Amino acid sequence: MARKKAKARSRKVSRAKRSFIDYNSLTFILFLVFVLFVSVLLVARMLAAN
């Protein structure tokens, strides 16, 4: 019984880690998209100024 419980616990931990990694990568991708968007806006503004 104890082994089964330990297995279930480790499975839960691995699942939580996986979702945490997915969440981090998602926020990172959103941040990259935001940075790209801002840089494009700045370039467009510079071109408009010229």
N, C-alpha and C. Protein backbone atom coordinates (compact mmCIF):
# COMPACT_ATOMS: atom_id res chain seq x y z
N MET A 1 0.83 -1.21 0.00
CA MET A 1 0.00 0.00 0.00
C MET A 1 0.86 1.26 0.00
N ALA A 2 1.88 1.25 0.81
CA ALA A 2 2.72 2.45 0.91
C ALA A 2 3.37 2.73 -0.44
N ARG A 3 3.78 1.66 -1.14
CA ARG A 3 4.42 1.86 -2.44
C ARG A 3 3.45 2.50 -3.43
N LYS A 4 2.21 2.02 -3.42
CA LYS A 4 1.22 2.60 -4.33
C LYS A 4 1.05 4.08 -4.05
N LYS A 5 0.95 4.44 -2.77
CA LYS A 5 0.78 5.85 -2.41
C LYS A 5 1.97 6.67 -2.89
N ALA A 6 3.19 6.14 -2.70
CA ALA A 6 4.38 6.87 -3.12
C ALA A 6 4.37 7.07 -4.64
N LYS A 7 3.97 6.02 -5.35
CA LYS A 7 3.91 6.14 -6.82
C LYS A 7 2.92 7.23 -7.23
N ALA A 8 1.74 7.22 -6.62
CA ALA A 8 0.72 8.22 -6.96
C ALA A 8 1.26 9.63 -6.67
N ARG A 9 1.96 9.76 -5.53
CA ARG A 9 2.48 11.08 -5.17
C ARG A 9 3.50 11.55 -6.20
N SER A 10 4.43 10.65 -6.60
CA SER A 10 5.45 11.04 -7.58
C SER A 10 4.79 11.40 -8.91
N ARG A 11 3.74 10.66 -9.26
CA ARG A 11 3.04 10.96 -10.51
C ARG A 11 2.44 12.37 -10.45
N LYS A 12 1.81 12.70 -9.31
CA LYS A 12 1.23 14.03 -9.14
C LYS A 12 2.30 15.11 -9.28
N VAL A 13 3.45 14.88 -8.66
CA VAL A 13 4.53 15.87 -8.70
C VAL A 13 4.99 16.08 -10.14
N SER A 14 5.18 14.96 -10.87
CA SER A 14 5.66 15.08 -12.25
C SER A 14 4.63 15.85 -13.09
N ARG A 15 3.35 15.57 -12.85
CA ARG A 15 2.31 16.28 -13.61
C ARG A 15 2.35 17.77 -13.29
N ALA A 16 2.51 18.11 -12.02
CA ALA A 16 2.56 19.52 -11.63
C ALA A 16 3.77 20.19 -12.27
N LYS A 17 4.91 19.50 -12.26
CA LYS A 17 6.10 20.08 -12.88
C LYS A 17 5.87 20.34 -14.36
N ARG A 18 5.24 19.37 -15.02
CA ARG A 18 5.01 19.53 -16.46
C ARG A 18 4.14 20.75 -16.73
N SER A 19 3.03 20.90 -15.99
CA SER A 19 2.13 22.03 -16.20
C SER A 19 2.85 23.35 -15.87
N PHE A 20 3.73 23.31 -14.84
CA PHE A 20 4.47 24.51 -14.48
C PHE A 20 5.40 24.92 -15.62
N ILE A 21 6.07 23.94 -16.23
CA ILE A 21 6.97 24.24 -17.35
C ILE A 21 6.16 24.81 -18.52
N ASP A 22 5.00 24.20 -18.80
CA ASP A 22 4.16 24.70 -19.89
C ASP A 22 3.76 26.15 -19.63
N TYR A 23 3.39 26.44 -18.38
CA TYR A 23 2.98 27.79 -18.03
C TYR A 23 4.13 28.77 -18.22
N ASN A 24 5.34 28.38 -17.81
CA ASN A 24 6.50 29.26 -17.97
C ASN A 24 6.78 29.51 -19.45
N SER A 25 6.75 28.47 -20.27
CA SER A 25 7.02 28.65 -21.69
C SER A 25 5.95 29.53 -22.32
N LEU A 26 4.70 29.38 -21.87
CA LEU A 26 3.62 30.21 -22.41
C LEU A 26 3.85 31.68 -22.10
N THR A 27 4.19 31.99 -20.86
CA THR A 27 4.44 33.39 -20.50
C THR A 27 5.65 33.92 -21.26
N PHE A 28 6.66 33.07 -21.45
CA PHE A 28 7.86 33.49 -22.18
C PHE A 28 7.51 33.82 -23.63
N ILE A 29 6.67 32.98 -24.26
CA ILE A 29 6.26 33.23 -25.64
C ILE A 29 5.47 34.53 -25.72
N LEU A 30 4.55 34.75 -24.77
CA LEU A 30 3.77 35.99 -24.76
C LEU A 30 4.70 37.20 -24.63
N PHE A 31 5.71 37.07 -23.75
CA PHE A 31 6.67 38.16 -23.56
C PHE A 31 7.42 38.44 -24.86
N LEU A 32 7.85 37.39 -25.55
CA LEU A 32 8.56 37.56 -26.82
C LEU A 32 7.67 38.25 -27.85
N VAL A 33 6.42 37.82 -27.93
CA VAL A 33 5.48 38.44 -28.88
C VAL A 33 5.31 39.92 -28.55
N PHE A 34 5.20 40.23 -27.26
CA PHE A 34 5.04 41.62 -26.83
C PHE A 34 6.26 42.45 -27.23
N VAL A 35 7.45 41.91 -27.00
CA VAL A 35 8.68 42.63 -27.35
C VAL A 35 8.75 42.85 -28.86
N LEU A 36 8.42 41.83 -29.64
CA LEU A 36 8.43 41.97 -31.10
C LEU A 36 7.44 43.04 -31.53
N PHE A 37 6.24 43.03 -30.94
CA PHE A 37 5.22 44.01 -31.28
C PHE A 37 5.71 45.43 -31.00
N VAL A 38 6.33 45.64 -29.83
CA VAL A 38 6.84 46.97 -29.47
C VAL A 38 7.95 47.40 -30.42
N SER A 39 8.85 46.48 -30.74
CA SER A 39 9.95 46.84 -31.64
C SER A 39 9.41 47.20 -33.02
N VAL A 40 8.41 46.47 -33.50
CA VAL A 40 7.81 46.79 -34.81
C VAL A 40 7.17 48.17 -34.76
N LEU A 41 6.47 48.48 -33.66
CA LEU A 41 5.86 49.79 -33.52
C LEU A 41 6.92 50.89 -33.55
N LEU A 42 8.02 50.68 -32.84
CA LEU A 42 9.09 51.68 -32.81
C LEU A 42 9.68 51.87 -34.20
N VAL A 43 9.91 50.80 -34.91
CA VAL A 43 10.47 50.90 -36.28
C VAL A 43 9.50 51.65 -37.18
N ALA A 44 8.22 51.32 -37.08
CA ALA A 44 7.22 52.00 -37.91
C ALA A 44 7.19 53.50 -37.59
N ARG A 45 7.30 53.84 -36.32
CA ARG A 45 7.28 55.24 -35.92
C ARG A 45 8.52 55.97 -36.46
N MET A 46 9.67 55.30 -36.39
CA MET A 46 10.90 55.90 -36.92
C MET A 46 10.78 56.11 -38.43
N LEU A 47 10.25 55.13 -39.13
CA LEU A 47 10.08 55.26 -40.58
C LEU A 47 9.10 56.40 -40.90
N ALA A 48 8.05 56.51 -40.12
CA ALA A 48 7.08 57.59 -40.33
C ALA A 48 7.73 58.95 -40.07
N ALA A 49 8.60 59.01 -39.07
CA ALA A 49 9.27 60.27 -38.76
C ALA A 49 10.21 60.65 -39.90
N ASN A 50 10.87 59.66 -40.48
CA ASN A 50 11.77 59.95 -41.59
C ASN A 50 10.96 60.28 -42.84
